[in-house]
Each structure stands twice: as structure tokens, then as C-alpha cells.
N, C-alpha and C. Protein backbone atom coordinates (compact mmCIF):
# COMPACT_ATOMS: atom_id res chain seq x y z
N UNK A 1 48.51 124.65 0.93
CA UNK A 1 48.11 125.08 2.64
C UNK A 1 49.06 125.57 4.11
N UNK A 2 48.89 126.86 3.86
CA UNK A 2 49.92 127.06 5.54
C UNK A 2 49.49 126.95 6.72
N UNK A 3 49.72 126.25 7.83
CA UNK A 3 49.22 125.55 9.01
C UNK A 3 49.14 126.53 10.04
N UNK A 4 48.52 126.40 11.24
CA UNK A 4 49.31 126.97 12.81
C UNK A 4 49.17 125.99 13.67
N UNK A 5 50.10 125.91 14.18
CA UNK A 5 49.94 125.00 15.32
C UNK A 5 50.33 125.83 16.82
N UNK A 6 49.13 125.20 18.00
CA UNK A 6 49.06 125.67 18.51
C UNK A 6 50.79 124.58 20.14
N UNK A 7 51.21 125.01 20.93
CA UNK A 7 52.17 124.45 21.51
C UNK A 7 51.98 124.83 22.85
N UNK A 8 51.67 123.84 23.30
CA UNK A 8 51.38 123.38 24.89
C UNK A 8 52.40 123.34 25.32
N UNK A 9 52.68 123.93 26.18
CA UNK A 9 54.13 123.66 27.07
C UNK A 9 54.05 123.40 28.59
N UNK A 10 54.70 122.66 28.70
CA UNK A 10 55.25 122.15 30.45
C UNK A 10 53.23 122.26 31.17
N UNK A 11 52.57 121.86 30.42
CA UNK A 11 51.17 121.64 31.44
C UNK A 11 51.36 120.27 31.97
N UNK A 12 52.40 120.18 33.01
CA UNK A 12 52.81 118.80 33.41
C UNK A 12 51.95 118.98 35.14
N UNK A 13 51.45 117.87 35.56
CA UNK A 13 51.15 117.91 36.94
C UNK A 13 52.51 118.49 38.01
N UNK A 14 53.86 118.35 37.75
CA UNK A 14 54.87 118.96 38.26
C UNK A 14 54.72 120.58 38.70
N UNK A 15 54.40 121.39 37.06
CA UNK A 15 54.29 122.68 36.72
C UNK A 15 53.11 122.95 37.56
N UNK A 16 51.59 122.11 37.16
CA UNK A 16 50.04 122.67 37.32
C UNK A 16 49.70 122.68 38.81
N UNK A 17 49.61 121.37 39.29
CA UNK A 17 49.72 120.14 40.13
C UNK A 17 49.85 121.77 41.73
N UNK A 18 48.73 121.29 42.32
CA UNK A 18 49.53 122.32 44.21
C UNK A 18 50.38 121.01 44.72
N UNK A 19 50.12 119.95 44.27
CA UNK A 19 51.31 119.11 44.79
C UNK A 19 52.99 118.56 43.71
N UNK A 20 52.62 119.56 42.43
CA UNK A 20 54.11 119.71 42.01
C UNK A 20 54.80 120.17 42.56
N UNK A 21 55.88 119.59 41.31
CA UNK A 21 57.63 119.75 43.00
C UNK A 21 57.98 121.55 42.27
N UNK A 22 57.41 122.43 41.24
CA UNK A 22 57.78 123.43 40.42
C UNK A 22 56.46 123.59 39.68
N UNK A 23 55.52 124.54 41.05
CA UNK A 23 54.05 124.60 40.28
C UNK A 23 53.84 126.03 40.57
N UNK A 24 52.96 125.93 39.36
CA UNK A 24 52.66 127.18 39.10
C UNK A 24 51.44 127.93 40.01
N UNK A 25 50.83 126.34 40.48
CA UNK A 25 49.71 126.21 40.80
C UNK A 25 48.08 126.80 40.44
N UNK A 26 47.84 127.74 41.38
CA UNK A 26 45.97 127.84 40.52
C UNK A 26 46.32 128.87 39.39
N UNK A 27 47.53 129.83 39.35
CA UNK A 27 47.00 130.71 37.73
C UNK A 27 47.48 129.45 36.55
N UNK A 28 48.26 128.70 36.54
CA UNK A 28 48.33 127.48 35.76
C UNK A 28 46.92 126.64 35.72
N UNK A 29 46.21 126.21 36.82
CA UNK A 29 45.05 125.08 36.94
C UNK A 29 43.99 126.32 35.99
N UNK A 30 43.74 127.61 36.20
CA UNK A 30 43.37 128.38 35.60
C UNK A 30 43.44 128.62 33.97
N UNK A 31 43.98 128.59 33.54
CA UNK A 31 44.42 128.42 32.09
C UNK A 31 43.84 127.07 31.29
N UNK A 32 43.90 126.16 31.83
CA UNK A 32 43.71 124.53 31.40
C UNK A 32 42.62 124.53 30.57
N UNK A 33 41.39 124.91 30.95
CA UNK A 33 39.67 124.94 30.31
C UNK A 33 40.19 126.16 28.91
N UNK A 34 40.74 126.82 29.19
CA UNK A 34 41.18 127.92 27.89
C UNK A 34 42.24 127.06 26.93
N UNK A 35 43.10 126.47 27.70
CA UNK A 35 44.31 125.32 26.73
C UNK A 35 43.24 124.53 25.81
N UNK A 36 42.10 123.74 26.09
CA UNK A 36 41.52 123.08 25.43
C UNK A 36 40.92 123.28 25.04
N UNK A 37 40.50 124.12 25.29
CA UNK A 37 39.16 125.03 24.13
C UNK A 37 39.74 125.01 22.71
N UNK A 38 41.39 125.61 23.00
CA UNK A 38 42.19 126.36 21.79
C UNK A 38 41.97 124.97 20.51
N UNK A 39 42.67 123.88 21.90
CA UNK A 39 43.09 122.62 21.18
C UNK A 39 41.93 122.04 20.55
N UNK A 40 40.78 122.01 21.13
CA UNK A 40 39.66 121.60 20.54
C UNK A 40 39.47 122.32 19.14
N UNK A 41 39.93 123.66 19.24
CA UNK A 41 39.45 124.52 17.21
C UNK A 41 40.41 124.09 16.38
N UNK A 42 41.54 124.17 17.22
CA UNK A 42 42.55 123.87 16.63
C UNK A 42 42.12 122.38 15.69
N UNK A 43 41.51 121.57 16.16
CA UNK A 43 41.67 119.80 15.55
C UNK A 43 40.60 120.26 14.89
N UNK A 44 39.52 120.64 15.46
CA UNK A 44 38.24 120.47 13.94
C UNK A 44 38.68 121.82 13.17
N UNK A 45 39.60 122.37 13.12
CA UNK A 45 39.96 123.52 11.62
C UNK A 45 41.54 122.49 10.99
N UNK A 46 41.76 121.42 11.08
CA UNK A 46 43.16 121.05 10.48
C UNK A 46 44.19 121.66 10.94
N UNK A 47 44.40 122.35 11.99
CA UNK A 47 45.71 122.63 12.47
C UNK A 47 46.26 121.47 13.33
N UNK A 48 47.38 122.05 13.42
CA UNK A 48 48.05 121.21 14.23
C UNK A 48 48.41 121.82 16.33
N UNK A 49 47.76 120.52 17.01
CA UNK A 49 48.36 120.51 18.47
C UNK A 49 49.75 119.54 19.14
N UNK A 50 50.44 120.56 19.82
CA UNK A 50 51.97 120.37 20.29
C UNK A 50 51.77 120.29 21.68
N UNK A 51 51.96 119.25 21.86
CA UNK A 51 52.27 118.62 23.79
C UNK A 51 53.89 118.79 23.93
N UNK A 52 54.56 120.03 24.02
CA UNK A 52 55.99 120.31 24.37
C UNK A 52 56.04 120.14 25.64
N UNK A 53 57.00 118.91 26.88
CA UNK A 53 57.01 118.32 27.64
C UNK A 53 57.99 118.64 27.98
N UNK A 54 58.48 118.70 29.40
CA UNK A 54 60.08 118.65 29.97
C UNK A 54 60.01 117.14 29.97
N UNK A 55 61.39 116.83 29.78
CA UNK A 55 61.76 115.41 30.49
C UNK A 55 62.84 115.55 30.31
N UNK A 56 63.35 115.27 32.61
CA UNK A 56 64.53 115.39 32.48
C UNK A 56 65.03 113.69 33.12
N UNK A 57 65.58 113.31 33.27
CA UNK A 57 66.81 112.82 33.98
C UNK A 57 66.29 112.90 35.32
N UNK A 58 66.77 111.70 36.28
CA UNK A 58 67.50 111.50 37.49
C UNK A 58 68.19 113.18 38.04
N UNK A 59 69.23 112.94 37.09
CA UNK A 59 70.28 113.43 37.52
C UNK A 59 70.47 114.92 36.82
N UNK A 60 69.52 115.40 36.09
CA UNK A 60 70.04 116.78 35.10
C UNK A 60 70.68 117.80 35.23
N UNK A 61 71.30 118.06 34.98
CA UNK A 61 71.62 119.39 35.57
C UNK A 61 70.75 120.39 35.70
N UNK A 62 69.61 120.45 35.04
CA UNK A 62 68.61 121.94 35.69
C UNK A 62 68.33 121.17 37.07
N UNK A 63 68.43 120.54 37.70
CA UNK A 63 67.71 120.17 38.95
C UNK A 63 69.35 121.29 40.08
N UNK A 64 70.45 121.88 39.53
CA UNK A 64 70.93 121.72 40.51
C UNK A 64 70.24 123.61 40.53
N UNK A 65 69.59 124.13 39.52
CA UNK A 65 69.06 125.57 39.56
C UNK A 65 67.60 125.37 40.34
N UNK A 66 66.68 124.53 39.88
CA UNK A 66 65.48 124.01 40.62
C UNK A 66 65.10 122.56 40.75
N UNK A 67 64.23 122.60 41.91
CA UNK A 67 64.04 121.70 42.46
C UNK A 67 63.90 120.34 41.05
N UNK A 68 63.67 119.31 41.61
CA UNK A 68 63.58 118.09 40.22
C UNK A 68 61.54 117.93 40.23
N UNK A 69 62.08 118.36 38.87
CA UNK A 69 60.80 117.80 38.30
C UNK A 69 61.01 117.53 36.63
N UNK A 70 59.33 116.82 36.00
CA UNK A 70 58.96 116.31 35.18
C UNK A 70 60.26 115.69 35.05
N UNK A 71 60.70 114.44 36.01
CA UNK A 71 61.48 113.45 35.63
C UNK A 71 61.11 112.42 35.03
N UNK A 72 61.31 111.88 33.87
CA UNK A 72 60.80 110.83 32.95
C UNK A 72 60.42 109.34 33.91
N UNK A 73 58.73 109.52 33.16
CA UNK A 73 58.36 108.16 33.76
C UNK A 73 57.48 108.31 35.41
N UNK A 74 57.53 109.78 35.83
CA UNK A 74 56.66 109.83 36.97
C UNK A 74 55.28 110.82 37.00
N UNK A 75 54.85 110.56 37.88
CA UNK A 75 53.42 111.07 38.35
C UNK A 75 53.43 112.57 37.69
N UNK A 76 54.76 113.75 37.98
CA UNK A 76 54.95 114.97 37.82
C UNK A 76 54.93 114.99 36.20
N UNK A 77 55.73 114.38 36.12
CA UNK A 77 56.16 114.43 34.02
C UNK A 77 54.75 114.11 33.25
N UNK A 78 53.80 113.86 33.90
CA UNK A 78 52.74 113.25 32.88
C UNK A 78 51.67 115.42 33.08
N UNK A 79 50.99 114.53 31.99
CA UNK A 79 50.35 116.06 31.57
C UNK A 79 49.07 116.69 32.96
N UNK A 80 48.54 117.31 33.25
CA UNK A 80 48.03 117.36 34.20
C UNK A 80 46.19 117.29 33.74
N UNK A 81 45.51 116.54 35.09
CA UNK A 81 43.89 117.27 34.82
C UNK A 81 43.91 116.56 33.71
N UNK A 82 42.08 117.52 33.01
CA UNK A 82 41.20 117.60 32.06
C UNK A 82 41.95 117.34 30.62
N UNK A 83 43.65 118.27 30.60
CA UNK A 83 44.64 117.79 29.45
C UNK A 83 45.05 116.45 29.40
N UNK A 84 45.22 116.02 30.45
CA UNK A 84 45.66 114.59 30.40
C UNK A 84 44.77 113.39 29.54
N UNK A 85 43.29 113.97 30.59
CA UNK A 85 41.92 113.47 29.29
C UNK A 85 41.90 113.63 28.31
N UNK A 86 42.10 115.07 27.51
CA UNK A 86 41.99 115.24 26.32
C UNK A 86 43.08 114.89 25.47
N UNK A 87 44.30 114.97 25.59
CA UNK A 87 45.23 114.65 25.22
C UNK A 87 44.86 112.99 24.96
N UNK A 88 44.42 111.99 26.03
CA UNK A 88 44.40 110.17 25.85
C UNK A 88 43.15 110.23 24.57
N UNK A 89 42.21 111.08 24.82
CA UNK A 89 41.54 110.75 23.66
C UNK A 89 41.89 111.78 22.13
N UNK A 90 42.47 112.35 22.06
CA UNK A 90 43.11 112.12 20.78
C UNK A 90 44.68 112.45 20.43
N UNK A 91 45.03 111.46 21.26
CA UNK A 91 46.71 111.28 21.17
C UNK A 91 47.07 110.63 19.69
N UNK A 92 46.00 109.69 18.82
CA UNK A 92 46.07 109.64 17.60
C UNK A 92 46.13 109.74 16.32
N UNK A 93 44.99 111.07 16.78
CA UNK A 93 44.79 112.07 15.70
C UNK A 93 45.70 112.62 14.93
N UNK A 94 46.28 112.83 13.46
CA UNK A 94 47.17 112.81 13.19
C UNK A 94 47.77 114.64 13.31
N UNK A 95 47.49 114.93 13.24
CA UNK A 95 47.47 116.34 14.10
C UNK A 95 48.06 116.41 15.20
N UNK A 96 48.03 116.09 16.36
CA UNK A 96 48.52 115.66 17.92
C UNK A 96 49.74 115.21 17.77
N UNK A 97 51.06 115.71 18.48
CA UNK A 97 52.07 115.21 18.42
C UNK A 97 52.26 115.51 20.31
N UNK A 98 53.28 114.44 20.42
CA UNK A 98 54.06 114.51 21.83
C UNK A 98 55.52 115.10 21.76
N UNK A 99 55.85 116.07 21.73
CA UNK A 99 57.38 116.60 21.91
C UNK A 99 57.89 116.38 23.30
N UNK A 100 58.68 115.63 23.65
CA UNK A 100 59.37 115.07 24.52
C UNK A 100 61.01 116.41 25.09
N UNK A 101 61.07 117.20 25.66
CA UNK A 101 62.46 118.37 25.25
C UNK A 101 62.94 117.97 26.74
N UNK A 102 64.70 118.42 26.43
CA UNK A 102 65.44 118.47 27.34
C UNK A 102 66.07 119.74 27.70
N UNK A 103 65.58 121.15 27.56
CA UNK A 103 65.56 122.14 27.89
C UNK A 103 64.56 123.29 27.99
N UNK A 104 64.48 124.46 28.20
CA UNK A 104 63.59 125.65 27.80
C UNK A 104 62.48 125.62 26.65
N UNK A 105 63.72 125.64 25.88
CA UNK A 105 62.81 126.04 24.43
C UNK A 105 62.92 124.75 23.46
N UNK A 106 61.54 125.00 23.14
CA UNK A 106 60.95 123.44 22.42
C UNK A 106 61.26 123.42 21.55
N UNK A 107 61.86 124.40 20.75
CA UNK A 107 62.77 123.41 19.79
C UNK A 107 64.20 123.29 19.42
N UNK A 108 64.67 123.02 20.55
CA UNK A 108 66.13 123.50 21.57
C UNK A 108 65.79 121.24 21.20
N UNK A 109 67.13 120.36 20.52
CA UNK A 109 67.64 119.75 20.49
C UNK A 109 66.11 118.42 20.48
N UNK A 110 64.80 118.72 19.40
CA UNK A 110 63.71 118.55 19.77
C UNK A 110 63.29 117.67 18.62
N UNK A 111 62.50 117.18 17.67
CA UNK A 111 61.81 117.12 16.58
C UNK A 111 60.55 117.57 16.10
N UNK A 112 60.73 119.07 16.95
CA UNK A 112 59.72 119.86 16.45
C UNK A 112 59.29 120.50 15.77
N UNK A 113 60.52 121.19 15.45
CA UNK A 113 60.65 122.24 13.83
C UNK A 113 60.08 120.80 12.72
N UNK A 114 60.84 119.76 13.06
CA UNK A 114 60.62 118.84 11.93
C UNK A 114 59.28 118.71 11.60
N UNK A 115 58.89 117.79 12.59
CA UNK A 115 57.28 117.74 13.09
C UNK A 115 56.53 119.02 12.33
N UNK A 116 56.56 119.98 12.51
CA UNK A 116 55.72 121.60 11.72
C UNK A 116 56.23 121.21 10.36
N UNK A 117 57.57 121.71 10.40
CA UNK A 117 57.80 121.72 8.64
C UNK A 117 56.80 120.63 7.77
N UNK A 118 56.51 119.00 8.43
CA UNK A 118 56.09 118.01 7.98
C UNK A 118 54.78 118.35 7.34
N UNK A 119 54.27 119.28 8.79
CA UNK A 119 52.93 119.34 8.50
C UNK A 119 52.75 120.99 8.08
N UNK A 120 53.72 121.61 7.36
CA UNK A 120 54.01 122.90 6.32
C UNK A 120 53.11 123.71 6.78
N UNK A 121 53.41 123.73 8.76
CA UNK A 121 52.78 124.97 9.73
C UNK A 121 54.07 126.01 9.76
N UNK A 122 53.38 127.57 9.60
CA UNK A 122 53.84 128.63 9.50
C UNK A 122 53.76 129.36 10.73
N UNK A 123 52.71 129.23 11.24
CA UNK A 123 52.49 130.04 12.98
C UNK A 123 52.22 129.60 13.34
N UNK A 124 52.97 129.27 15.07
CA UNK A 124 53.14 128.76 16.35
C UNK A 124 52.24 129.78 17.21
N UNK A 125 51.19 129.11 17.73
CA UNK A 125 50.71 129.59 19.05
C UNK A 125 51.34 129.17 20.11
N UNK A 126 52.13 129.80 20.58
CA UNK A 126 52.63 129.34 22.56
C UNK A 126 51.41 129.71 23.53
N UNK A 127 51.55 128.54 24.23
CA UNK A 127 50.58 128.86 25.59
C UNK A 127 50.92 127.62 26.95
N UNK A 128 50.69 127.37 28.01
CA UNK A 128 51.19 127.09 28.65
C UNK A 128 52.02 127.52 29.88
N UNK A 129 53.11 127.02 31.03
CA UNK A 129 53.82 128.02 31.40
C UNK A 129 55.25 127.26 31.62
N UNK A 130 56.12 127.97 31.31
CA UNK A 130 55.98 129.50 32.44
C UNK A 130 55.99 130.34 31.36
N UNK A 131 55.67 131.35 31.30
CA UNK A 131 55.62 132.63 30.37
C UNK A 131 57.28 133.33 30.26
N UNK A 132 57.56 133.79 31.39
CA UNK A 132 58.98 134.09 31.56
C UNK A 132 60.14 133.25 31.17
N UNK A 133 59.85 131.93 30.93
CA UNK A 133 61.04 130.79 30.69
C UNK A 133 60.61 130.05 29.55
N UNK A 134 60.10 128.60 29.72
CA UNK A 134 59.90 128.12 28.42
C UNK A 134 59.32 129.08 27.51
N UNK A 135 58.52 129.40 27.71
CA UNK A 135 57.13 130.19 26.94
C UNK A 135 58.00 131.35 25.71
N UNK A 136 59.14 132.02 26.96
CA UNK A 136 59.60 133.20 26.44
C UNK A 136 60.48 132.11 25.61
N UNK A 137 61.23 131.25 25.58
CA UNK A 137 62.30 131.02 25.17
C UNK A 137 61.80 130.39 24.04
N UNK A 138 60.49 129.40 23.88
CA UNK A 138 60.55 128.61 23.02
C UNK A 138 59.72 130.10 21.50
N UNK A 139 59.33 130.69 22.43
CA UNK A 139 59.28 131.93 20.89
C UNK A 139 60.51 132.79 20.26
N UNK A 140 61.51 132.43 21.09
CA UNK A 140 62.99 132.71 20.24
C UNK A 140 63.32 132.10 19.17
N UNK A 141 62.70 130.28 20.17
CA UNK A 141 62.95 128.85 18.92
C UNK A 141 62.35 129.48 17.82
N UNK A 142 60.94 129.43 17.69
CA UNK A 142 59.96 129.28 16.49
C UNK A 142 60.64 130.60 15.62
N UNK A 143 60.49 131.69 16.03
CA UNK A 143 61.44 133.00 15.83
C UNK A 143 62.78 133.05 15.17
N UNK A 144 63.85 132.23 15.47
CA UNK A 144 65.00 132.37 15.34
C UNK A 144 64.58 130.97 13.70
N UNK A 145 63.74 130.17 13.99
CA UNK A 145 63.60 129.01 12.83
C UNK A 145 62.75 129.89 11.78
N UNK A 146 62.36 130.81 11.85
CA UNK A 146 60.90 131.87 10.65
C UNK A 146 59.68 131.86 10.80
N UNK A 147 59.77 130.73 12.03
CA UNK A 147 58.12 130.65 12.51
C UNK A 147 56.99 132.37 12.67
N UNK A 148 55.57 132.42 12.19
CA UNK A 148 55.01 134.08 13.16
C UNK A 148 54.70 133.19 14.35
N UNK A 149 54.66 134.17 14.95
CA UNK A 149 54.81 133.96 16.94
C UNK A 149 52.98 134.41 17.07
N UNK A 150 52.54 133.49 17.85
CA UNK A 150 51.30 134.39 18.72
C UNK A 150 51.61 133.63 19.99
N UNK A 151 51.26 134.75 20.92
CA UNK A 151 51.48 134.23 22.32
C UNK A 151 50.11 134.60 23.35
N UNK A 152 49.16 133.83 23.79
CA UNK A 152 48.23 134.19 23.99
C UNK A 152 48.34 134.20 25.88
N UNK A 153 47.90 135.53 26.17
CA UNK A 153 47.55 135.70 27.73
C UNK A 153 46.83 135.11 28.65
N UNK A 154 45.68 134.63 27.79
CA UNK A 154 44.99 134.20 28.96
C UNK A 154 45.02 132.58 28.95
N UNK A 155 46.55 131.98 28.36
CA UNK A 155 46.70 130.63 27.91
C UNK A 155 48.30 130.35 28.46
N UNK A 156 48.53 131.62 29.51
CA UNK A 156 50.00 131.36 29.92
C UNK A 156 49.84 132.08 31.05
N UNK A 157 51.43 131.24 32.02
CA UNK A 157 51.09 131.73 33.43
C UNK A 157 52.62 131.19 34.28
N UNK A 158 52.86 132.09 35.48
CA UNK A 158 54.16 132.01 35.65
C UNK A 158 53.84 131.70 36.99
N UNK A 159 55.21 131.55 37.19
CA UNK A 159 55.09 131.41 39.22
C UNK A 159 56.03 133.10 40.03
N UNK A 160 56.18 133.38 38.72
CA UNK A 160 57.17 135.40 39.15
C UNK A 160 56.11 136.25 38.26
N UNK A 161 56.74 137.28 39.22
CA UNK A 161 56.20 138.57 38.84
C UNK A 161 56.34 139.59 37.61
N UNK A 162 57.13 138.55 37.10
CA UNK A 162 57.75 139.16 35.29
C UNK A 162 57.10 138.72 33.79
N UNK A 163 56.10 138.00 33.86
CA UNK A 163 54.93 137.74 33.50
C UNK A 163 55.13 139.09 32.15
N UNK A 164 54.55 140.53 32.79
CA UNK A 164 54.36 141.07 31.65
C UNK A 164 55.85 142.12 30.69
N UNK A 165 56.93 142.13 31.34
CA UNK A 165 58.42 141.87 30.91
C UNK A 165 58.61 141.24 29.65
N UNK A 166 58.38 139.73 30.40
CA UNK A 166 58.36 138.71 29.23
C UNK A 166 57.64 139.21 27.57
N UNK A 167 56.33 138.80 27.98
CA UNK A 167 54.98 139.07 27.35
C UNK A 167 56.30 140.59 26.19
N UNK A 168 56.28 141.51 26.92
CA UNK A 168 56.70 142.35 26.34
C UNK A 168 57.64 142.35 25.33
N UNK A 169 58.71 141.70 25.58
CA UNK A 169 59.97 141.11 25.51
C UNK A 169 59.41 140.17 24.02
N UNK A 170 58.70 139.51 23.66
CA UNK A 170 58.51 138.46 22.53
C UNK A 170 57.59 139.21 21.90
N UNK A 171 56.71 140.58 22.28
CA UNK A 171 56.27 141.48 20.88
C UNK A 171 57.36 142.41 20.54
N UNK A 172 57.92 142.92 21.34
CA UNK A 172 59.00 143.64 20.67
C UNK A 172 60.43 143.23 19.65
N UNK A 173 61.12 142.34 20.75
CA UNK A 173 62.15 141.32 19.97
C UNK A 173 61.07 140.49 19.31
N UNK A 174 60.46 139.34 19.37
CA UNK A 174 60.56 138.44 18.68
C UNK A 174 59.45 139.00 17.29
N UNK A 175 59.08 140.18 17.54
CA UNK A 175 58.04 139.94 16.91
C UNK A 175 56.27 138.64 16.60
N UNK A 176 56.13 138.99 17.98
CA UNK A 176 55.06 137.93 18.70
C UNK A 176 53.82 138.98 18.65
N UNK A 177 52.99 138.47 18.15
CA UNK A 177 51.70 138.86 18.23
C UNK A 177 51.06 138.39 19.59
N UNK A 178 50.26 139.46 20.29
CA UNK A 178 50.26 139.15 21.54
C UNK A 178 48.20 139.46 22.10
N UNK A 179 47.65 138.02 21.68
CA UNK A 179 46.17 138.34 21.67
C UNK A 179 45.67 137.82 23.58
């Protein structure tokens, strides 16, 4: 049986909370309920949910470009609000995985591809933040590894004005289905 996976990307306190170091703020907060509903549906239908989270060291080179964020073991790196509660309730479910990631693309230098292959996943659904950075590059990482990709407009957010451009690029360049 071919399966699908919901990728929940970077929905941490640093990216979502008003007090986060690199926050998308209200637009990210507004997609939380949609992501949780999708995660519940995926689990109910024996599909996979992958929490893909930036996990940086204190002296990470990313901090030359961005404010320090998602430093391992900090409040900022923890899942935000109701997503943290959902994960706590479901973290031992066999179809829920947590993937720390060192870069923008959730596939780069992580166990995500192996985890999805082991579960016979053929299609990934991209959600979370930021649409024009980590979501965009994760869609490329999935495409490059032969996955069908779906991006969910009502489950993605960013802090720039570039969202539409990058969603269009996902659709035209990576053959991503946009919902």
C-alpha cells in the first residue's frame, strides 16, 4: 500500500510565538488548527505525520544570516502551543516521527527519507513555515527524491511578501499540487 505523509515544518516557538526570535507571528498562529486537523486525519487514515524541526547549535553559521533560533534544548526550539500538546499525546504512535533538521530542506542530512521509505510513503504534504524558505526547499528535496508533493495554502505561512511567488514555483518547477 502506498502511503502519504504530512510534513509539519518548523512550527516552533521561535517561528510561531509572538515572543519567538524569528517569528512569523499571527499568520503562523492562524494555521495551527488546520495543521492539527490534518494530522489527526492522517493518523486516523493510517498515514504518516513527520514533525520536521530546525535544530541548531548555539554557534550555528545560520546565525550569520538570521537571528539565533531553534537552538537545541531551548524553549524556542519546542513545538508551539496546541501542536506541542498534540505531539505529546501522539509521539509514541508508530506513524508519528520527529525529525530534527540542520538546514532548510527537511530531507538534507536527516533521517526523513529513510523514515518515509520504511513506511512506503510516495506522496508528501508540505505544511508549516516558512513557505518561501523551508517549505519551498523541502518541496524540492521531496521532488528530487521522487516523491509526489502537495503544498497546502491554508497550512503554510511566512514573514515575507514572497509567498505567492514561491508557491507558484513549487507548482511549476517541482510539479507540486497546490491545495
